[in-house]
Amino acid sequence: MGERFYGNGILSGPIDLDGGRPAPQVFPKVEARPGLEVAERGTNVAGVVVSLAKGLVTVRGTDGRDRVAKLREGSFTVAGKQVTLVAPRNPAGAGSSAPARTASGSVAVAGAKARIARASRILVEGVHDAELVEKVWGDDLRIEGVVVEVLDGADNLAEVVRSFGPSTNRRLGILLDHLVDHSKETRMAQAVDHPDVLITGHPYVDIWAAIKPSVIGIAAWPEIPKGQSWKDGICARVGPSLGAGADTDPRLFWKRLVGSVTTWTDLEPPLVGAVEQLIDFVTEPPRA
């Protein structure tokens, strides 16, 4: 339904063809340049501007996470004043271009060196999981000094955790496939209860399915009957349609699939959120 003006309608008196509604409030316009401290009114989006494109502004909060908000009239505050953010007039000029981004969407730090590895670790189920995490989050992990290691399956998860010896200065993050109600992986995760261990995951039966099928030009991953290898089934059904019969080989298919991934936007949101949680967890300052 449209907006109603009960005090200025046809039932309130003579019709005023010249209007009579108050003029809309005009807010100062502020250029949304990288580094500007802003806060979106009525939401938890607050921090510094990272980039602006297509009517959206990306804001990095004090927690290091990026959040995206729409540009609307008077929807932000800057230095306590309500303003309208607008695109910089010379975004391509010196010192005003948007910063380069890593594949994970973080601001790239020019010339940054890899940090000495932390004692904390992130464990993933298999080699493909590790390759995908490296492809998208590798730059971030090197700056943070986080090493990703392979579990080679999660069947001995509780023993792996005990052997690692997690502590406040040695945290352990674990990424699991198929973390859904009543799955084997969920039962194993529930058996691990330690304040310095965080287990996250995605709902897909395999890490392959956490990659958007559109990256290789298909609308959806086909359904694979229970009892059949998911990877073999995907290769048999999708590989030939890609115009390369060799892609029915899972090793070659994977190379093609992971090679098509360029940024975090090529991944399904549950995987992105799970990995981001683990990175945040293992890089948090030790508890007092």
C-alpha atoms as a PDB file:
ATOM      1  CA  MET A   1       0.000   0.000   0.000  1.00  0.00           C
ATOM      2  CA  GLY A   2       1.179   3.527  -0.701  1.00  0.00           C
ATOM      3  CA  GLU A   3       2.092   6.082   1.933  1.00  0.00           C
ATOM      4  CA  ARG A   4      -0.903   7.752   3.605  1.00  0.00           C
ATOM      5  CA  PHE A   5      -1.138  11.390   4.666  1.00  0.00           C
ATOM      6  CA  TYR A   6      -4.142  11.382   6.971  1.00  0.00           C
ATOM      7  CA  GLY A   7      -3.852  15.056   7.918  1.00  0.00           C
ATOM      8  CA  ASN A   8      -3.624  16.278   4.338  1.00  0.00           C
ATOM      9  CA  GLY A   9      -6.129  14.195   2.377  1.00  0.00           C
ATOM     10  CA  ILE A  10      -9.450  14.850   0.686  1.00  0.00           C
ATOM     11  CA  LEU A  11     -11.370  14.243   3.922  1.00  0.00           C
ATOM     12  CA  SER A  12      -9.563  16.975   5.831  1.00  0.00           C
ATOM     13  CA  GLY A  13     -10.718  20.013   3.879  1.00  0.00           C
ATOM     14  CA  PRO A  14     -10.570  21.668   0.505  1.00  0.00           C
ATOM     15  CA  ILE A  15      -8.261  20.099  -2.037  1.00  0.00           C
ATOM     16  CA  ASP A  16      -4.986  22.015  -2.370  1.00  0.00           C
ATOM     17  CA  LEU A  17      -3.800  21.434  -5.910  1.00  0.00           C
ATOM     18  CA  ASP A  18      -0.540  23.243  -5.173  1.00  0.00           C
ATOM     19  CA  GLY A  19       0.543  20.659  -2.622  1.00  0.00           C
ATOM     20  CA  GLY A  20       0.900  21.556   1.013  1.00  0.00           C
ATOM     21  CA  ARG A  21       3.048  18.646   2.115  1.00  0.00           C
ATOM     22  CA  PRO A  22       6.260  19.592   3.907  1.00  0.00           C
ATOM     23  CA  ALA A  23       9.365  19.649   1.732  1.00  0.00           C
ATOM     24  CA  PRO A  24      11.546  16.547   2.130  1.00  0.00           C
ATOM     25  CA  GLN A  25      14.450  16.998   4.492  1.00  0.00           C
ATOM     26  CA  VAL A  26      17.778  17.510   2.778  1.00  0.00           C
ATOM     27  CA  PHE A  27      20.891  16.019   4.343  1.00  0.00           C
ATOM     28  CA  PRO A  28      24.495  17.039   3.730  1.00  0.00           C
ATOM     29  CA  LYS A  29      26.239  14.908   1.112  1.00  0.00           C
ATOM     30  CA  VAL A  30      29.524  13.286   2.109  1.00  0.00           C
ATOM     31  CA  GLU A  31      31.814  11.443  -0.289  1.00  0.00           C
ATOM     32  CA  ALA A  32      32.249   7.818   0.775  1.00  0.00           C
ATOM     33  CA  ARG A  33      36.011   7.609   0.468  1.00  0.00           C
ATOM     34  CA  PRO A  34      37.973   4.622   1.826  1.00  0.00           C
ATOM     35  CA  GLY A  35      38.860   5.180   5.480  1.00  0.00           C
ATOM     36  CA  LEU A  36      35.883   7.425   6.284  1.00  0.00           C
ATOM     37  CA  GLU A  37      34.289   6.502   9.631  1.00  0.00           C
ATOM     38  CA  VAL A  38      30.544   5.967   9.208  1.00  0.00           C
ATOM     39  CA  ALA A  39      27.568   4.338  10.925  1.00  0.00           C
ATOM     40  CA  GLU A  40      24.305   3.277   9.314  1.00  0.00           C
ATOM     41  CA  ARG A  41      21.318   4.522  11.269  1.00  0.00           C
ATOM     42  CA  GLY A  42      19.202   1.780  12.817  1.00  0.00           C
ATOM     43  CA  THR A  43      21.593  -1.099  12.093  1.00  0.00           C
ATOM     44  CA  ASN A  44      24.845  -2.565  13.402  1.00  0.00           C
ATOM     45  CA  VAL A  45      26.788  -1.463  10.308  1.00  0.00           C
ATOM     46  CA  ALA A  46      29.550   0.820  11.574  1.00  0.00           C
ATOM     47  CA  GLY A  47      33.234   1.254  10.880  1.00  0.00           C
ATOM     48  CA  VAL A  48      35.328   2.599   8.023  1.00  0.00           C
ATOM     49  CA  VAL A  49      34.441   2.696   4.353  1.00  0.00           C
ATOM     50  CA  VAL A  50      36.288   0.091   2.313  1.00  0.00           C
ATOM     51  CA  SER A  51      34.702   0.461  -1.109  1.00  0.00           C
ATOM     52  CA  LEU A  52      31.644   1.706  -2.945  1.00  0.00           C
ATOM     53  CA  ALA A  53      30.025   0.293  -6.075  1.00  0.00           C
ATOM     54  CA  LYS A  54      26.590   0.083  -7.701  1.00  0.00           C
ATOM     55  CA  GLY A  55      24.783   1.902  -4.910  1.00  0.00           C
ATOM     56  CA  LEU A  56      26.321  -0.234  -2.170  1.00  0.00           C
ATOM     57  CA  VAL A  57      28.963   0.712   0.378  1.00  0.00           C
ATOM     58  CA  THR A  58      31.198  -1.828   2.097  1.00  0.00           C
ATOM     59  CA  VAL A  59      32.062  -0.949   5.693  1.00  0.00           C
ATOM     60  CA  ARG A  60      34.704  -2.721   7.778  1.00  0.00           C
ATOM     61  CA  GLY A  61      33.850  -2.868  11.480  1.00  0.00           C
ATOM     62  CA  THR A  62      36.163  -2.916  14.468  1.00  0.00           C
ATOM     63  CA  ASP A  63      35.814  -6.707  14.488  1.00  0.00           C
ATOM     64  CA  GLY A  64      37.504  -6.839  11.089  1.00  0.00           C
ATOM     65  CA  ARG A  65      34.402  -8.065   9.252  1.00  0.00           C
ATOM     66  CA  ASP A  66      32.996  -6.374   6.159  1.00  0.00           C
ATOM     67  CA  ARG A  67      29.332  -5.466   5.907  1.00  0.00           C
ATOM     68  CA  VAL A  68      27.441  -4.086   2.913  1.00  0.00           C
ATOM     69  CA  ALA A  69      24.717  -1.444   3.068  1.00  0.00           C
ATOM     70  CA  LYS A  70      22.625   0.432   0.503  1.00  0.00           C
ATOM     71  CA  LEU A  71      23.120   4.136  -0.074  1.00  0.00           C
ATOM     72  CA  ARG A  72      19.937   5.989   0.881  1.00  0.00           C
ATOM     73  CA  GLU A  73      19.111   9.589   1.689  1.00  0.00           C
ATOM     74  CA  GLY A  74      20.154  10.386   5.252  1.00  0.00           C
ATOM     75  CA  SER A  75      20.821   6.754   6.134  1.00  0.00           C
ATOM     76  CA  PHE A  76      24.298   7.277   7.636  1.00  0.00           C
ATOM     77  CA  THR A  77      25.932   9.386  10.298  1.00  0.00           C
ATOM     78  CA  VAL A  78      29.430  10.855  10.060  1.00  0.00           C
ATOM     79  CA  ALA A  79      30.927  12.524  13.134  1.00  0.00           C
ATOM     80  CA  GLY A  80      27.493  12.378  14.758  1.00  0.00           C
ATOM     81  CA  LYS A  81      25.697  14.171  11.897  1.00  0.00           C
ATOM     82  CA  GLN A  82      23.046  12.563   9.702  1.00  0.00           C
ATOM     83  CA  VAL A  83      24.252  12.566   6.100  1.00  0.00           C
ATOM     84  CA  THR A  84      23.776  11.051   2.669  1.00  0.00           C
ATOM     85  CA  LEU A  85      26.799   9.137   1.418  1.00  0.00           C
ATOM     86  CA  VAL A  86      27.631   9.635  -2.248  1.00  0.00           C
ATOM     87  CA  ALA A  87      30.270   8.319  -4.630  1.00  0.00           C
ATOM     88  CA  PRO A  88      33.523  10.312  -4.742  1.00  0.00           C
ATOM     89  CA  ARG A  89      33.617  12.735  -7.651  1.00  0.00           C
ATOM     90  CA  ASN A  90      37.106  11.615  -8.719  1.00  0.00           C
ATOM     91  CA  PRO A  91      37.386   7.976  -7.604  1.00  0.00           C
ATOM     92  CA  ALA A  92      40.141   7.361 -10.154  1.00  0.00           C
ATOM     93  CA  GLY A  93      42.231  10.294  -8.968  1.00  0.00           C
ATOM     94  CA  ALA A  94      45.390  10.079  -6.910  1.00  0.00           C
ATOM     95  CA  GLY A  95      44.824   8.722  -3.457  1.00  0.00           C
ATOM     96  CA  SER A  96      41.094   8.144  -4.021  1.00  0.00           C
ATOM     97  CA  SER A  97      40.893   4.791  -5.795  1.00  0.00           C
ATOM     98  CA  ALA A  98      39.294   1.897  -3.960  1.00  0.00           C
ATOM     99  CA  PRO A  99      41.842  -0.429  -2.347  1.00  0.00           C
ATOM    100  CA  ALA A 100      42.703  -3.737  -3.963  1.00  0.00           C
ATOM    101  CA  ARG A 101      40.902  -6.751  -2.552  1.00  0.00           C
ATOM    102  CA  THR A 102      41.960 -10.312  -1.853  1.00  0.00           C
ATOM    103  CA  ALA A 103      39.946 -13.255  -3.160  1.00  0.00           C
ATOM    104  CA  SER A 104      38.137 -13.387   0.203  1.00  0.00           C
ATOM    105  CA  GLY A 105      36.996  -9.772  -0.161  1.00  0.00           C
ATOM    106  CA  SER A 106      39.425  -8.363   2.413  1.00  0.00           C
ATOM    107  CA  VAL A 107      41.450  -5.239   1.726  1.00  0.00           C
ATOM    108  CA  ALA A 108      44.795  -6.282   0.264  1.00  0.00           C
ATOM    109  CA  VAL A 109      47.804  -5.073   2.252  1.00  0.00           C
ATOM    110  CA  ALA A 110      50.497  -4.056  -0.205  1.00  0.00           C
ATOM    111  CA  GLY A 111      53.922  -5.477   0.611  1.00  0.00           C
ATOM    112  CA  ALA A 112      52.676  -7.412   3.611  1.00  0.00           C
ATOM    113  CA  LYS A 113      54.881 -10.309   4.646  1.00  0.00           C
ATOM    114  CA  ALA A 114      53.635 -13.629   5.919  1.00  0.00           C
ATOM    115  CA  ARG A 115      53.451 -13.746   9.691  1.00  0.00           C
ATOM    116  CA  ILE A 116      55.293 -16.428  11.621  1.00  0.00           C
ATOM    117  CA  ALA A 117      52.887 -19.331  12.021  1.00  0.00           C
ATOM    118  CA  ARG A 118      50.686 -19.305  15.097  1.00  0.00           C
ATOM    119  CA  ALA A 119      50.380 -22.318  17.349  1.00  0.00           C
ATOM    120  CA  SER A 120      46.670 -22.341  16.501  1.00  0.00           C
ATOM    121  CA  ARG A 121      45.554 -24.336  13.475  1.00  0.00           C
ATOM    122  CA  ILE A 122      42.605 -24.871  11.157  1.00  0.00           C
ATOM    123  CA  LEU A 123      41.894 -28.473  10.162  1.00  0.00           C
ATOM    124  CA  VAL A 124      39.882 -29.468   7.091  1.00  0.00           C
ATOM    125  CA  GLU A 125      38.678 -32.886   5.985  1.00  0.00           C
ATOM    126  CA  GLY A 126      40.607 -33.388   2.763  1.00  0.00           C
ATOM    127  CA  VAL A 127      43.061 -32.072   0.199  1.00  0.00           C
ATOM    128  CA  HIS A 128      40.317 -30.485  -1.904  1.00  0.00           C
ATOM    129  CA  ASP A 129      39.028 -28.570   1.123  1.00  0.00           C
ATOM    130  CA  ALA A 130      42.545 -27.295   1.817  1.00  0.00           C
ATOM    131  CA  GLU A 131      43.083 -26.251  -1.813  1.00  0.00           C
ATOM    132  CA  LEU A 132      39.809 -24.326  -1.923  1.00  0.00           C
ATOM    133  CA  VAL A 133      40.484 -22.537   1.375  1.00  0.00           C
ATOM    134  CA  GLU A 134      43.948 -21.614   0.119  1.00  0.00           C
ATOM    135  CA  LYS A 135      42.552 -20.370  -3.204  1.00  0.00           C
ATOM    136  CA  VAL A 136      40.140 -17.932  -1.539  1.00  0.00           C
ATOM    137  CA  TRP A 137      41.616 -17.156   1.896  1.00  0.00           C
ATOM    138  CA  GLY A 138      45.327 -17.837   1.322  1.00  0.00           C
ATOM    139  CA  ASP A 139      46.422 -14.179   1.437  1.00  0.00           C
ATOM    140  CA  ASP A 140      44.500 -13.570   4.656  1.00  0.00           C
ATOM    141  CA  LEU A 141      45.840 -16.722   6.298  1.00  0.00           C
ATOM    142  CA  ARG A 142      49.458 -15.856   5.528  1.00  0.00           C
ATOM    143  CA  ILE A 143      49.083 -12.361   6.961  1.00  0.00           C
ATOM    144  CA  GLU A 144      47.460 -13.814  10.084  1.00  0.00           C
ATOM    145  CA  GLY A 145      49.994 -16.657  10.369  1.00  0.00           C
ATOM    146  CA  VAL A 146      47.327 -19.380  10.274  1.00  0.00           C
ATOM    147  CA  VAL A 147      48.249 -22.822   8.951  1.00  0.00           C
ATOM    148  CA  VAL A 148      45.607 -25.107   7.407  1.00  0.00           C
ATOM    149  CA  GLU A 149      46.172 -28.837   7.806  1.00  0.00           C
ATOM    150  CA  VAL A 150      44.343 -31.880   6.427  1.00  0.00           C
ATOM    151  CA  LEU A 151      42.476 -34.318   8.662  1.00  0.00           C
ATOM    152  CA  ASP A 152      42.215 -37.033   5.993  1.00  0.00           C
ATOM    153  CA  GLY A 153      38.666 -37.669   7.173  1.00  0.00           C
ATOM    154  CA  ALA A 154      36.919 -36.933  10.445  1.00  0.00           C
ATOM    155  CA  ASP A 155      36.421 -40.462  11.795  1.00  0.00           C
ATOM    156  CA  ASN A 156      39.006 -39.971  14.558  1.00  0.00           C
ATOM    157  CA  LEU A 157      38.064 -36.388  15.349  1.00  0.00           C
ATOM    158  CA  ALA A 158      38.014 -36.729  19.137  1.00  0.00           C
ATOM    159  CA  GLU A 159      41.463 -38.353  19.148  1.00  0.00           C
ATOM    160  CA  VAL A 160      42.836 -35.667  16.841  1.00  0.00           C
ATOM    161  CA  VAL A 161      41.626 -32.970  19.233  1.00  0.00           C
ATOM    162  CA  ARG A 162      43.182 -34.723  22.239  1.00  0.00           C
ATOM    163  CA  SER A 163      46.492 -35.147  20.419  1.00  0.00           C
ATOM    164  CA  PHE A 164      46.563 -31.498  19.401  1.00  0.00           C
ATOM    165  CA  GLY A 165      46.241 -30.335  23.007  1.00  0.00           C
ATOM    166  CA  PRO A 166      44.213 -27.131  22.509  1.00  0.00           C
ATOM    167  CA  SER A 167      44.630 -24.290  24.994  1.00  0.00           C
ATOM    168  CA  THR A 168      43.947 -20.571  25.227  1.00  0.00           C
ATOM    169  CA  ASN A 169      47.177 -19.911  23.309  1.00  0.00           C
ATOM    170  CA  ARG A 170      46.741 -22.883  20.968  1.00  0.00           C
ATOM    171  CA  ARG A 171      43.273 -22.881  19.494  1.00  0.00           C
ATOM    172  CA  LEU A 172      41.893 -25.365  17.040  1.00  0.00           C
ATOM    173  CA  GLY A 173      39.331 -24.672  14.327  1.00  0.00           C
ATOM    174  CA  ILE A 174      37.817 -27.554  12.368  1.00  0.00           C
ATOM    175  CA  LEU A 175      35.852 -27.378   9.110  1.00  0.00           C
ATOM    176  CA  LEU A 176      33.556 -30.319   8.335  1.00  0.00           C
ATOM    177  CA  ASP A 177      31.465 -31.304   5.335  1.00  0.00           C
ATOM    178  CA  HIS A 178      27.799 -32.316   5.661  1.00  0.00           C
ATOM    179  CA  LEU A 179      27.258 -30.711   9.057  1.00  0.00           C
ATOM    180  CA  VAL A 180      23.492 -31.244   9.209  1.00  0.00           C
ATOM    181  CA  ASP A 181      21.096 -32.787  11.732  1.00  0.00           C
ATOM    182  CA  HIS A 182      21.693 -36.484  12.406  1.00  0.00           C
ATOM    183  CA  SER A 183      24.700 -36.773  10.084  1.00  0.00           C
ATOM    184  CA  LYS A 184      27.803 -38.706  11.119  1.00  0.00           C
ATOM    185  CA  GLU A 185      29.825 -35.504  11.040  1.00  0.00           C
ATOM    186  CA  THR A 186      27.396 -33.734  13.369  1.00  0.00           C
ATOM    187  CA  ARG A 187      27.528 -36.586  15.873  1.00  0.00           C
ATOM    188  CA  MET A 188      31.328 -36.476  15.888  1.00  0.00           C
ATOM    189  CA  ALA A 189      31.320 -32.713  16.309  1.00  0.00           C
ATOM    190  CA  GLN A 190      28.923 -32.938  19.247  1.00  0.00           C
ATOM    191  CA  ALA A 191      31.315 -35.345  20.974  1.00  0.00           C
ATOM    192  CA  VAL A 192      33.984 -32.602  21.121  1.00  0.00           C
ATOM    193  CA  ASP A 193      33.475 -30.130  23.957  1.00  0.00           C
ATOM    194  CA  HIS A 194      36.403 -27.801  24.565  1.00  0.00           C
ATOM    195  CA  PRO A 195      36.454 -23.992  24.985  1.00  0.00           C
ATOM    196  CA  ASP A 196      39.477 -23.672  22.689  1.00  0.00           C
ATOM    197  CA  VAL A 197      38.023 -25.763  19.865  1.00  0.00           C
ATOM    198  CA  LEU A 198      35.480 -24.495  17.339  1.00  0.00           C
ATOM    199  CA  ILE A 199      33.885 -26.818  14.802  1.00  0.00           C
ATOM    200  CA  THR A 200      31.982 -25.277  11.911  1.00  0.00           C
ATOM    201  CA  GLY A 201      30.905 -26.649   8.573  1.00  0.00           C
ATOM    202  CA  HIS A 202      28.582 -26.516   5.622  1.00  0.00           C
ATOM    203  CA  PRO A 203      25.517 -28.633   4.765  1.00  0.00           C
ATOM    204  CA  TYR A 204      26.837 -30.029   1.489  1.00  0.00           C
ATOM    205  CA  VAL A 205      27.799 -33.677   1.148  1.00  0.00           C
ATOM    206  CA  ASP A 206      31.132 -32.680  -0.393  1.00  0.00           C
ATOM    207  CA  ILE A 207      33.222 -29.507  -0.643  1.00  0.00           C
ATOM    208  CA  TRP A 208      32.650 -29.583  -4.416  1.00  0.00           C
ATOM    209  CA  ALA A 209      28.990 -28.741  -3.872  1.00  0.00           C
ATOM    210  CA  ALA A 210      29.953 -25.665  -1.824  1.00  0.00           C
ATOM    211  CA  ILE A 211      31.181 -24.123  -5.083  1.00  0.00           C
ATOM    212  CA  LYS A 212      28.429 -22.452  -7.066  1.00  0.00           C
ATOM    213  CA  PRO A 213      27.728 -24.572 -10.159  1.00  0.00           C
ATOM    214  CA  SER A 214      27.499 -21.417 -12.240  1.00  0.00           C
ATOM    215  CA  VAL A 215      31.300 -21.129 -12.202  1.00  0.00           C
ATOM    216  CA  ILE A 216      31.433 -23.990 -14.721  1.00  0.00           C
ATOM    217  CA  GLY A 217      28.333 -22.905 -16.586  1.00  0.00           C
ATOM    218  CA  ILE A 218      25.581 -25.108 -15.145  1.00  0.00           C
ATOM    219  CA  ALA A 219      22.465 -24.045 -13.275  1.00  0.00           C
ATOM    220  CA  ALA A 220      22.565 -26.657 -10.485  1.00  0.00           C
ATOM    221  CA  TRP A 221      24.437 -29.719  -9.328  1.00  0.00           C
ATOM    222  CA  PRO A 222      22.529 -32.847 -10.373  1.00  0.00           C
ATOM    223  CA  GLU A 223      21.045 -35.183  -7.787  1.00  0.00           C
ATOM    224  CA  ILE A 224      23.203 -38.262  -7.198  1.00  0.00           C
ATOM    225  CA  PRO A 225      21.456 -41.438  -5.955  1.00  0.00           C
ATOM    226  CA  LYS A 226      22.347 -42.637  -2.479  1.00  0.00           C
ATOM    227  CA  GLY A 227      24.998 -45.315  -2.480  1.00  0.00           C
ATOM    228  CA  GLN A 228      26.825 -43.847  -5.461  1.00  0.00           C
ATOM    229  CA  SER A 229      30.019 -41.828  -5.061  1.00  0.00           C
ATOM    230  CA  TRP A 230      28.991 -38.180  -5.255  1.00  0.00           C
ATOM    231  CA  LYS A 231      32.166 -37.143  -7.090  1.00  0.00           C
ATOM    232  CA  ASP A 232      31.942 -39.992  -9.614  1.00  0.00           C
ATOM    233  CA  GLY A 233      28.271 -39.234 -10.227  1.00  0.00           C
ATOM    234  CA  ILE A 234      28.940 -35.545 -10.804  1.00  0.00           C
ATOM    235  CA  CYS A 235      31.791 -36.280 -13.199  1.00  0.00           C
ATOM    236  CA  ALA A 236      29.698 -38.757 -15.188  1.00  0.00           C
ATOM    237  CA  ARG A 237      26.736 -36.388 -15.523  1.00  0.00           C
ATOM    238  CA  VAL A 238      28.430 -33.010 -15.839  1.00  0.00           C
ATOM    239  CA  GLY A 239      31.870 -33.777 -17.294  1.00  0.00           C
ATOM    240  CA  PRO A 240      30.778 -34.646 -20.851  1.00  0.00           C
ATOM    241  CA  SER A 241      28.597 -31.534 -21.065  1.00  0.00           C
ATOM    242  CA  LEU A 242      31.666 -29.374 -20.558  1.00  0.00           C
ATOM    243  CA  GLY A 243      33.056 -30.493 -23.868  1.00  0.00           C
ATOM    244  CA  ALA A 244      35.957 -32.484 -22.444  1.00  0.00           C
ATOM    245  CA  GLY A 245      35.508 -36.198 -21.904  1.00  0.00           C
ATOM    246  CA  ALA A 246      38.577 -36.267 -19.695  1.00  0.00           C
ATOM    247  CA  ASP A 247      36.597 -34.278 -17.119  1.00  0.00           C
ATOM    248  CA  THR A 248      34.881 -37.528 -16.147  1.00  0.00           C
ATOM    249  CA  ASP A 249      38.106 -38.177 -14.223  1.00  0.00           C
ATOM    250  CA  PRO A 250      37.531 -36.685 -10.717  1.00  0.00           C
ATOM    251  CA  ARG A 251      41.112 -35.411 -10.514  1.00  0.00           C
ATOM    252  CA  LEU A 252      40.798 -33.468 -13.764  1.00  0.00           C
ATOM    253  CA  PHE A 253      37.273 -32.333 -12.991  1.00  0.00           C
ATOM    254  CA  TRP A 254      38.434 -30.904  -9.643  1.00  0.00           C
ATOM    255  CA  LYS A 255      41.273 -28.991 -11.302  1.00  0.00           C
ATOM    256  CA  ARG A 256      38.789 -27.438 -13.689  1.00  0.00           C
ATOM    257  CA  LEU A 257      36.310 -26.685 -10.909  1.00  0.00           C
ATOM    258  CA  VAL A 258      38.709 -25.092  -8.421  1.00  0.00           C
ATOM    259  CA  GLY A 259      40.459 -23.298 -11.263  1.00  0.00           C
ATOM    260  CA  SER A 260      37.158 -21.573 -12.082  1.00  0.00           C
ATOM    261  CA  VAL A 261      36.908 -20.092  -8.577  1.00  0.00           C
ATOM    262  CA  THR A 262      38.252 -16.551  -8.364  1.00  0.00           C
ATOM    263  CA  THR A 263      36.630 -14.945  -5.289  1.00  0.00           C
ATOM    264  CA  TRP A 264      34.461 -15.739  -2.299  1.00  0.00           C
ATOM    265  CA  THR A 265      31.397 -14.840  -4.355  1.00  0.00           C
ATOM    266  CA  ASP A 266      31.920 -18.092  -6.288  1.00  0.00           C
ATOM    267  CA  LEU A 267      31.220 -20.052  -3.091  1.00  0.00           C
ATOM    268  CA  GLU A 268      27.962 -20.803  -1.298  1.00  0.00           C
ATOM    269  CA  PRO A 269      27.353 -18.537   1.750  1.00  0.00           C
ATOM    270  CA  PRO A 270      27.368 -21.378   4.355  1.00  0.00           C
ATOM    271  CA  LEU A 271      30.971 -22.253   3.455  1.00  0.00           C
ATOM    272  CA  VAL A 272      32.071 -18.615   3.443  1.00  0.00           C
ATOM    273  CA  GLY A 273      30.551 -18.026   6.867  1.00  0.00           C
ATOM    274  CA  ALA A 274      32.042 -21.218   8.303  1.00  0.00           C
ATOM    275  CA  VAL A 275      35.593 -20.395   7.205  1.00  0.00           C
ATOM    276  CA  GLU A 276      35.345 -16.771   8.336  1.00  0.00           C
ATOM    277  CA  GLN A 277      34.214 -17.952  11.785  1.00  0.00           C
ATOM    278  CA  LEU A 278      37.205 -20.259  12.081  1.00  0.00           C
ATOM    279  CA  ILE A 279      39.691 -17.563  11.067  1.00  0.00           C
ATOM    280  CA  ASP A 280      38.197 -15.162  13.600  1.00  0.00           C
ATOM    281  CA  PHE A 281      38.300 -17.839  16.308  1.00  0.00           C
ATOM    282  CA  VAL A 282      41.929 -18.905  15.896  1.00  0.00           C
ATOM    283  CA  THR A 283      43.180 -15.316  15.619  1.00  0.00           C
ATOM    284  CA  GLU A 284      41.373 -13.918  18.672  1.00  0.00           C
ATOM    285  CA  PRO A 285      43.695 -12.676  21.432  1.00  0.00           C
ATOM    286  CA  PRO A 286      44.207 -15.266  24.218  1.00  0.00           C
ATOM    287  CA  ARG A 287      41.761 -15.075  27.101  1.00  0.00           C
ATOM    288  CA  ALA A 288      43.062 -13.366  30.212  1.00  0.00           C
END
